[in-house]
Amino acid sequence: MSTHVDGNHGDEERPGSQSSLRSANEARVLDALRLGGQLTQAELARRTALAPSTVSNIVRDLAEAGTLEVDEEHGGRRGRMVRLAADGRLLMAVDFGHGHVSVALATMSHEIVGETHSSLPLGHDHQAGLAKAVSLRDFLLQRAGLDGAAVVAAGVSLPAPIDNGGRIIGSRLVLPGWADMDLAAIAQERLGVPVHVDNDANAGAVAEHHWGAGRGTDDFVYLKLAHGIGAGLILGGKPFRGATGVSGEIGHTTIDERGVFCRCGNRGCLETVAATPRLLALLASTHPRLRTIDDIVRAARAGDPACLRVLGDAGRAVGVAAANMVNVLNPAKVLIGGELAGAGELLLDPLREIVRRYGVPSAVTGLEIQAAELGARASLLGDVALASDLAEPLGAVRA
């Protein structure tokens, strides 16, 4: 737990005293802002479970002490935006894909001050990937005239199973050059700061919870439909990673037990019928000019029957897996992200139809299935939030 320290807390605080209770409440507010960036006072009250009047008093005192900044012109007292005061420190976010890396720098209040992207060769290893990330970080620092020493923590995401210790596991057929290594330790040594490593779908879910379509929703599933397929889970307002950290592997739900072999060793997994490489392969012989999912979506919107069928079938296949997840978890929302989300209702309509067909009525009543809001930046923005979990606001210490 974080405990705020200032001149009023010089004496040792007795457990259960008013002073220790106030310190604990201040810590809850600081932690909420550290994880959520800027929030309204109403959101702070909800996230901390503190009374609005308590939050108001804490915000006032910490703002007077220079720990917080408050936007006085934003929608009344409870609607005022509150953020950690700018202190010159930066967070680093790194999102790796199969053929790309994105890097961003952000303030402690999650304001992006620089962002850039670069391609990587397919099959690249962790050394090449991290070297490119360092190069992009240095480019952003130089462009903004910032000191590298200001970077205090980093969040890194990859499209691979990551255990709770930041180790990549069982991914020799997913990211061969990254398999079975303690990436958190390796990245920390290479980047020179504490590093949180997570699966890209988990990072996307965190971002959607803070700033996207999941904001204000404590139980939802984020599906990333791209080169691979994975799910990030927000349950009870927090990321759920499971006993070992690899929850949400919905891409390996069996859709056709007699289907083609999957890279995981099973047959007929969802990835073998609905991931983007499979959709492109289905159309390769009849539509050789279609090289990307965006190409397929444009052709479908122009009325191409084969492209419409491919997207519809993908939506129905995802719907089967999503229905099972809805029956088990009972989320309020299912958010669709990744490249395939660009298909919009061409994908979502058949997906919703199947979820309604196979979902338990009590679980699907009131369920919202919609496109996520943050697009291709979701995982990168989630990395910012994950990095902030490693960095303390000034004026706070760990008890």
Protein backbone atom coordinates (compact mmCIF):
# COMPACT_ATOMS: atom_id res chain seq x y z
CA MET A 1 0.00 0.00 0.00
CA SER A 2 1.18 3.54 -0.70
CA THR A 3 1.32 5.99 2.19
CA HIS A 4 1.46 9.74 1.58
CA VAL A 5 4.19 11.52 3.48
CA ASP A 6 4.27 15.22 4.24
CA GLY A 7 5.05 17.58 7.07
CA ASN A 8 1.85 16.74 8.96
CA HIS A 9 2.82 13.07 9.34
CA GLY A 10 6.15 13.38 11.08
CA ASP A 11 5.11 11.38 14.14
CA GLU A 12 4.64 7.65 14.00
CA GLU A 13 1.02 6.86 13.22
CA ARG A 14 -0.89 4.44 15.43
CA PRO A 15 -2.88 1.76 13.55
CA GLY A 16 -6.56 2.65 13.64
CA SER A 17 -5.94 6.32 14.44
CA GLN A 18 -7.54 9.10 12.40
CA SER A 19 -4.11 9.99 11.09
CA SER A 20 -3.37 6.46 9.83
CA LEU A 21 -6.87 6.19 8.33
CA ARG A 22 -6.37 9.42 6.43
CA SER A 23 -2.98 8.23 5.17
CA ALA A 24 -4.57 5.01 3.97
CA ASN A 25 -7.32 6.95 2.17
CA GLU A 26 -4.77 9.28 0.57
CA ALA A 27 -2.87 6.20 -0.60
CA ARG A 28 -6.01 4.82 -2.25
CA VAL A 29 -6.54 8.07 -4.13
CA LEU A 30 -2.89 8.23 -5.24
CA ASP A 31 -2.92 4.59 -6.34
CA ALA A 32 -6.10 5.13 -8.36
CA LEU A 33 -4.54 8.10 -10.16
CA ARG A 34 -1.26 6.28 -10.68
CA LEU A 35 -3.09 3.45 -12.43
CA GLY A 36 -5.85 5.43 -14.12
CA GLY A 37 -4.10 8.62 -15.19
CA GLN A 38 -6.51 11.51 -14.97
CA LEU A 39 -9.91 10.84 -13.41
CA THR A 40 -12.87 12.90 -12.27
CA GLN A 41 -13.57 13.14 -8.56
CA ALA A 42 -16.69 11.04 -9.14
CA GLU A 43 -14.56 8.31 -10.76
CA LEU A 44 -12.09 8.51 -7.89
CA ALA A 45 -14.90 7.96 -5.40
CA ARG A 46 -16.11 4.93 -7.34
CA ARG A 47 -12.68 3.38 -7.82
CA THR A 48 -11.57 3.89 -4.22
CA ALA A 49 -14.97 3.15 -2.61
CA LEU A 50 -14.53 6.33 -0.55
CA ALA A 51 -17.28 8.83 0.15
CA PRO A 52 -17.36 11.73 -2.35
CA SER A 53 -16.82 14.19 0.51
CA THR A 54 -13.73 12.28 1.65
CA VAL A 55 -12.33 12.27 -1.88
CA SER A 56 -13.04 16.00 -2.23
CA ASN A 57 -11.15 16.81 0.98
CA ILE A 58 -8.18 14.61 0.03
CA VAL A 59 -7.99 16.11 -3.46
CA ARG A 60 -8.11 19.63 -2.03
CA ASP A 61 -5.32 18.96 0.47
CA LEU A 62 -3.05 17.11 -1.95
CA ALA A 63 -3.57 19.80 -4.59
CA GLU A 64 -2.57 22.47 -2.06
CA ALA A 65 0.52 20.37 -1.24
CA GLY A 66 1.44 20.22 -4.93
CA THR A 67 0.99 16.46 -5.23
CA LEU A 68 -2.08 16.70 -7.49
CA GLU A 69 -3.30 19.00 -10.25
CA VAL A 70 -7.00 19.79 -10.67
CA ASP A 71 -8.77 21.09 -13.77
CA GLU A 72 -11.06 23.69 -12.23
CA GLU A 73 -13.00 24.26 -15.46
CA HIS A 74 -14.25 20.72 -16.00
CA GLY A 75 -17.90 20.13 -15.15
CA GLY A 76 -18.39 21.12 -11.51
CA ARG A 77 -16.68 19.84 -8.38
CA ARG A 78 -17.35 16.11 -8.86
CA GLY A 79 -16.63 16.40 -12.59
CA ARG A 80 -13.28 18.14 -12.19
CA MET A 81 -10.38 16.23 -13.72
CA VAL A 82 -7.69 15.25 -11.22
CA ARG A 83 -4.19 14.05 -12.11
CA LEU A 84 -0.81 13.55 -10.51
CA ALA A 85 1.27 16.71 -10.64
CA ALA A 86 3.85 16.81 -13.40
CA ASP A 87 7.19 15.84 -11.89
CA GLY A 88 9.37 15.30 -14.96
CA ARG A 89 9.31 11.50 -14.75
CA LEU A 90 8.34 9.38 -17.73
CA LEU A 91 6.85 5.96 -18.39
CA MET A 92 7.87 3.85 -21.39
CA ALA A 93 5.46 1.60 -23.30
CA VAL A 94 6.56 -1.08 -25.80
CA ASP A 95 4.17 -3.21 -27.84
CA PHE A 96 5.70 -5.99 -29.94
CA GLY A 97 3.85 -7.74 -32.76
CA HIS A 98 4.90 -10.50 -35.10
CA GLY A 99 6.33 -7.93 -37.52
CA HIS A 100 6.36 -4.59 -35.72
CA VAL A 101 7.18 -2.71 -32.54
CA SER A 102 5.52 0.44 -31.18
CA VAL A 103 7.08 2.63 -28.48
CA ALA A 104 5.58 5.52 -26.51
CA LEU A 105 6.68 7.81 -23.70
CA ALA A 106 4.14 9.21 -21.25
CA THR A 107 4.01 11.37 -18.15
CA MET A 108 2.99 9.94 -14.80
CA SER A 109 -0.56 11.15 -15.52
CA HIS A 110 -0.51 9.08 -18.75
CA GLU A 111 -0.21 11.98 -21.19
CA ILE A 112 1.58 10.70 -24.30
CA VAL A 113 4.58 12.92 -25.08
CA GLY A 114 5.98 10.83 -27.93
CA GLU A 115 5.02 7.78 -29.96
CA THR A 116 6.59 5.96 -32.91
CA HIS A 117 6.44 2.64 -34.74
CA SER A 118 8.77 0.45 -36.78
CA SER A 119 8.58 -2.79 -38.71
CA LEU A 120 10.51 -5.86 -37.62
CA PRO A 121 11.39 -8.89 -39.74
CA LEU A 122 9.13 -11.89 -39.24
CA GLY A 123 10.86 -14.35 -36.96
CA HIS A 124 12.94 -11.68 -35.21
CA ASP A 125 14.45 -12.63 -31.86
CA HIS A 126 14.28 -10.83 -28.53
CA GLN A 127 17.70 -9.23 -28.94
CA ALA A 128 16.71 -7.55 -32.21
CA GLY A 129 13.32 -6.55 -30.82
CA LEU A 130 14.69 -4.97 -27.65
CA ALA A 131 17.49 -3.25 -29.56
CA LYS A 132 14.92 -1.65 -31.85
CA ALA A 133 12.80 -0.60 -28.84
CA VAL A 134 15.82 1.10 -27.25
CA SER A 135 16.60 2.87 -30.52
CA LEU A 136 13.02 4.14 -30.80
CA ARG A 137 13.02 5.27 -27.16
CA ASP A 138 16.22 7.24 -27.72
CA PHE A 139 14.74 8.79 -30.86
CA LEU A 140 11.65 9.95 -28.94
CA LEU A 141 13.75 11.37 -26.10
CA GLN A 142 15.97 13.27 -28.49
CA ARG A 143 13.04 14.59 -30.51
CA ALA A 144 11.33 15.90 -27.38
CA GLY A 145 14.54 17.19 -25.79
CA LEU A 146 14.08 14.91 -22.78
CA ASP A 147 16.62 13.20 -20.54
CA GLY A 148 16.73 9.40 -20.61
CA ALA A 149 17.14 9.37 -16.83
CA ALA A 150 13.55 10.63 -16.58
CA VAL A 151 12.23 7.21 -17.66
CA VAL A 152 11.42 5.32 -14.44
CA ALA A 153 9.43 2.24 -15.54
CA ALA A 154 8.29 0.37 -18.65
CA GLY A 155 5.40 -1.80 -19.75
CA VAL A 156 6.02 -4.37 -22.49
CA SER A 157 3.41 -6.47 -24.29
CA LEU A 158 3.71 -9.37 -26.73
CA PRO A 159 1.32 -11.72 -28.56
CA ALA A 160 2.42 -14.75 -26.51
CA PRO A 161 1.57 -16.53 -23.25
CA ILE A 162 3.23 -14.69 -20.34
CA ASP A 163 3.27 -16.14 -16.84
CA ASN A 164 2.80 -14.08 -13.69
CA GLY A 165 6.56 -13.62 -13.34
CA GLY A 166 6.97 -12.05 -16.78
CA ARG A 167 8.34 -15.19 -18.41
CA ILE A 168 7.31 -16.21 -21.93
CA ILE A 169 6.17 -19.81 -21.93
CA GLY A 170 5.31 -22.42 -24.53
CA SER A 171 5.68 -20.07 -27.49
CA ARG A 172 8.26 -21.70 -29.75
CA LEU A 173 5.70 -21.79 -32.55
CA VAL A 174 4.32 -18.31 -31.75
CA LEU A 175 7.45 -16.17 -31.29
CA PRO A 176 10.37 -18.60 -31.74
CA GLY A 177 13.02 -15.99 -30.96
CA TRP A 178 11.37 -15.13 -27.65
CA ALA A 179 10.40 -18.55 -26.30
CA ASP A 180 10.96 -19.81 -22.75
CA MET A 181 12.86 -16.86 -21.33
CA ASP A 182 12.57 -14.52 -18.37
CA LEU A 183 11.69 -11.51 -20.48
CA ALA A 184 10.99 -9.26 -17.49
CA ALA A 185 14.57 -9.70 -16.25
CA ILE A 186 16.10 -9.42 -19.72
CA ALA A 187 14.08 -6.32 -20.61
CA GLN A 188 14.84 -4.69 -17.27
CA GLU A 189 18.57 -5.16 -17.87
CA ARG A 190 18.31 -3.84 -21.43
CA LEU A 191 16.03 -0.86 -20.68
CA GLY A 192 17.56 -0.01 -17.32
CA VAL A 193 14.23 0.38 -15.47
CA PRO A 194 11.68 -1.91 -13.78
CA VAL A 195 9.57 -3.66 -16.44
CA HIS A 196 6.07 -5.16 -16.41
CA VAL A 197 5.64 -7.76 -19.18
CA ASP A 198 2.17 -8.92 -20.24
CA ASN A 199 0.20 -10.49 -23.05
CA ASP A 200 -1.01 -7.94 -25.62
CA ALA A 201 -4.69 -8.83 -25.10
CA ASN A 202 -4.35 -8.20 -21.35
CA ALA A 203 -2.73 -4.84 -22.06
CA GLY A 204 -5.53 -3.98 -24.48
CA ALA A 205 -8.15 -4.84 -21.87
CA VAL A 206 -6.43 -2.60 -19.30
CA ALA A 207 -6.42 0.30 -21.77
CA GLU A 208 -10.08 -0.15 -22.72
CA HIS A 209 -10.95 -0.23 -19.01
CA HIS A 210 -9.19 3.06 -18.31
CA TRP A 211 -9.91 5.04 -21.48
CA GLY A 212 -12.04 3.08 -23.93
CA ALA A 213 -15.29 1.18 -24.30
CA GLY A 214 -14.79 -0.58 -20.96
CA ARG A 215 -14.56 2.60 -18.91
CA GLY A 216 -16.99 2.39 -16.00
CA THR A 217 -17.53 -1.36 -16.54
CA ASP A 218 -16.00 -3.70 -13.99
CA ASP A 219 -16.65 -7.02 -15.77
CA PHE A 220 -15.88 -7.38 -19.47
CA VAL A 221 -13.99 -9.45 -22.01
CA TYR A 222 -11.69 -7.87 -24.59
CA LEU A 223 -11.11 -10.04 -27.66
CA LYS A 224 -8.12 -9.23 -29.83
CA LEU A 225 -8.68 -10.69 -33.30
CA ALA A 226 -5.54 -10.40 -35.40
CA HIS A 227 -2.63 -12.61 -36.49
CA GLY A 228 -3.47 -14.53 -33.33
CA ILE A 229 -6.59 -14.48 -31.18
CA GLY A 230 -6.60 -13.84 -27.44
CA ALA A 231 -8.78 -12.47 -24.68
CA GLY A 232 -8.03 -10.00 -21.91
CA LEU A 233 -10.32 -10.23 -18.88
CA ILE A 234 -11.38 -7.47 -16.51
CA LEU A 235 -13.26 -9.01 -13.59
CA GLY A 236 -14.27 -7.10 -10.51
CA GLY A 237 -12.58 -4.01 -11.94
CA LYS A 238 -9.16 -5.67 -12.14
CA PRO A 239 -7.23 -7.66 -14.76
CA PHE A 240 -7.69 -11.40 -14.28
CA ARG A 241 -4.70 -13.47 -15.37
CA GLY A 242 -5.45 -16.84 -13.76
CA ALA A 243 -3.36 -19.06 -11.51
CA THR A 244 -0.26 -18.98 -13.73
CA GLY A 245 -0.95 -15.88 -15.83
CA VAL A 246 -2.19 -17.46 -19.06
CA SER A 247 -5.96 -17.02 -18.81
CA GLY A 248 -7.81 -15.83 -21.90
CA GLU A 249 -6.29 -18.20 -24.49
CA ILE A 250 -9.60 -18.22 -26.35
CA GLY A 251 -7.79 -18.63 -29.66
CA HIS A 252 -7.23 -22.26 -28.73
CA THR A 253 -10.88 -23.06 -28.08
CA THR A 254 -11.80 -26.05 -30.22
CA ILE A 255 -14.21 -25.13 -33.00
CA ASP A 256 -13.75 -28.18 -35.27
CA GLU A 257 -12.11 -31.24 -33.69
CA ARG A 258 -11.45 -32.65 -37.18
CA GLY A 259 -10.07 -29.36 -38.48
CA VAL A 260 -6.54 -28.44 -39.47
CA PHE A 261 -3.71 -28.69 -36.97
CA CYS A 262 -3.00 -25.62 -34.88
CA ARG A 263 0.46 -24.41 -33.85
CA CYS A 264 -0.47 -25.40 -30.27
CA GLY A 265 -0.69 -29.07 -31.32
CA ASN A 266 -4.47 -29.40 -31.24
CA ARG A 267 -6.86 -29.45 -34.18
CA GLY A 268 -9.52 -26.98 -35.24
CA CYS A 269 -8.69 -24.19 -32.78
CA LEU A 270 -10.42 -20.84 -33.27
CA GLU A 271 -7.15 -19.39 -34.63
CA THR A 272 -7.18 -21.94 -37.45
CA VAL A 273 -10.53 -20.68 -38.73
CA ALA A 274 -10.71 -16.98 -37.78
CA ALA A 275 -7.22 -15.49 -37.38
CA THR A 276 -6.19 -13.07 -40.11
CA PRO A 277 -3.65 -15.38 -41.85
CA ARG A 278 -6.40 -17.98 -42.29
CA LEU A 279 -8.85 -15.50 -43.78
CA LEU A 280 -6.26 -14.27 -46.27
CA ALA A 281 -5.36 -17.86 -47.15
CA LEU A 282 -9.00 -18.73 -47.85
CA LEU A 283 -9.18 -15.99 -50.48
CA ALA A 284 -5.67 -16.31 -51.90
CA SER A 285 -6.57 -18.39 -54.94
CA THR A 286 -9.63 -16.39 -56.03
CA HIS A 287 -8.60 -12.93 -54.78
CA PRO A 288 -4.79 -12.78 -55.11
CA ARG A 289 -4.75 -8.97 -54.91
CA LEU A 290 -6.17 -8.96 -51.41
CA ARG A 291 -3.08 -8.74 -49.20
CA THR A 292 -4.47 -7.38 -45.93
CA ILE A 293 -7.60 -7.58 -43.79
CA ASP A 294 -8.36 -3.98 -44.76
CA ASP A 295 -8.43 -5.14 -48.39
CA ILE A 296 -10.94 -7.87 -47.52
CA VAL A 297 -13.11 -5.42 -45.57
CA ARG A 298 -13.16 -2.92 -48.44
CA ALA A 299 -14.12 -5.65 -50.92
CA ALA A 300 -16.85 -6.91 -48.60
CA ARG A 301 -18.31 -3.44 -48.22
CA ALA A 302 -18.31 -3.16 -52.00
CA GLY A 303 -20.47 -6.29 -52.10
CA ASP A 304 -17.96 -9.05 -52.87
CA PRO A 305 -19.81 -12.25 -51.85
CA ALA A 306 -16.71 -14.30 -51.01
CA CYS A 307 -15.32 -11.60 -48.72
CA LEU A 308 -18.71 -11.17 -47.06
CA ARG A 309 -18.84 -14.92 -46.45
CA VAL A 310 -15.32 -15.11 -45.04
CA LEU A 311 -15.96 -12.29 -42.55
CA GLY A 312 -19.36 -13.69 -41.63
CA ASP A 313 -17.95 -17.16 -41.02
CA ALA A 314 -15.17 -15.67 -38.88
CA GLY A 315 -17.74 -13.79 -36.82
CA ARG A 316 -19.77 -16.95 -36.30
CA ALA A 317 -16.71 -18.95 -35.26
CA VAL A 318 -15.65 -16.26 -32.77
CA GLY A 319 -19.26 -16.20 -31.56
CA VAL A 320 -19.11 -19.87 -30.55
CA ALA A 321 -16.03 -19.30 -28.40
CA ALA A 322 -17.40 -16.01 -27.04
CA ALA A 323 -20.69 -17.66 -26.08
CA ASN A 324 -18.85 -20.24 -24.00
CA MET A 325 -16.89 -17.49 -22.28
CA VAL A 326 -20.06 -15.49 -21.63
CA ASN A 327 -21.74 -18.55 -20.09
CA VAL A 328 -18.80 -19.05 -17.73
CA LEU A 329 -17.92 -15.45 -16.80
CA ASN A 330 -21.20 -13.51 -17.24
CA PRO A 331 -19.52 -10.26 -18.35
CA ALA A 332 -21.43 -7.04 -18.95
CA LYS A 333 -19.63 -6.44 -22.25
CA VAL A 334 -17.62 -8.21 -24.92
CA LEU A 335 -15.33 -5.78 -26.72
CA ILE A 336 -13.86 -6.66 -30.11
CA GLY A 337 -10.41 -5.31 -30.91
CA GLY A 338 -7.53 -6.13 -33.24
CA GLU A 339 -7.38 -5.92 -37.03
CA LEU A 340 -10.67 -7.74 -37.56
CA ALA A 341 -12.56 -5.14 -35.53
CA GLY A 342 -12.25 -2.92 -38.60
CA ALA A 343 -14.89 -5.08 -40.28
CA GLY A 344 -17.49 -3.53 -37.96
CA GLU A 345 -21.01 -4.90 -38.28
CA LEU A 346 -19.94 -7.30 -41.06
CA LEU A 347 -18.23 -9.25 -38.27
CA LEU A 348 -20.26 -8.18 -35.24
CA ASP A 349 -23.74 -9.05 -36.53
CA PRO A 350 -23.01 -12.76 -37.12
CA LEU A 351 -20.98 -12.87 -33.89
CA ARG A 352 -23.91 -11.49 -31.88
CA GLU A 353 -26.30 -13.92 -33.57
CA ILE A 354 -24.25 -16.93 -32.44
CA VAL A 355 -23.77 -15.62 -28.90
CA ARG A 356 -27.56 -15.17 -28.61
CA ARG A 357 -28.08 -18.69 -29.97
CA TYR A 358 -25.61 -20.50 -27.69
CA GLY A 359 -25.50 -18.21 -24.70
CA VAL A 360 -27.53 -18.89 -21.57
CA PRO A 361 -30.46 -16.42 -21.66
CA SER A 362 -29.70 -15.10 -18.20
CA ALA A 363 -26.10 -14.39 -19.25
CA VAL A 364 -26.83 -12.75 -22.61
CA THR A 365 -29.73 -10.58 -21.44
CA GLY A 366 -28.34 -7.06 -21.37
CA LEU A 367 -24.95 -8.19 -22.71
CA GLU A 368 -23.31 -5.61 -24.96
CA ILE A 369 -21.10 -6.80 -27.82
CA GLN A 370 -19.37 -3.90 -29.51
CA ALA A 371 -16.17 -2.76 -31.15
CA ALA A 372 -13.43 -1.61 -28.81
CA GLU A 373 -12.59 2.09 -29.04
CA LEU A 374 -8.80 2.37 -28.94
CA GLY A 375 -7.96 0.50 -32.13
CA ALA A 376 -4.38 -0.48 -32.89
CA ARG A 377 -3.07 1.62 -29.97
CA ALA A 378 -4.91 -0.36 -27.28
CA SER A 379 -2.02 -2.60 -26.20
CA LEU A 380 0.50 0.26 -26.28
CA LEU A 381 -1.73 2.45 -24.11
CA GLY A 382 -2.29 -0.47 -21.77
CA ASP A 383 1.48 -0.76 -21.41
CA VAL A 384 1.54 2.82 -20.11
CA ALA A 385 -0.93 1.89 -17.37
CA LEU A 386 1.01 -1.28 -16.55
CA ALA A 387 4.27 0.68 -16.29
CA SER A 388 2.66 3.12 -13.88
CA ASP A 389 2.00 0.24 -11.50
CA LEU A 390 5.77 0.07 -10.97
CA ALA A 391 6.32 3.77 -10.37
CA GLU A 392 5.39 5.62 -7.20
CA PRO A 393 3.97 9.15 -7.25
CA LEU A 394 6.32 11.62 -5.59
CA GLY A 395 5.45 12.04 -1.95
CA ALA A 396 4.56 8.37 -1.52
CA VAL A 397 6.46 5.43 -0.13
CA ARG A 398 5.72 1.74 0.15
CA ALA A 399 4.75 0.59 3.61
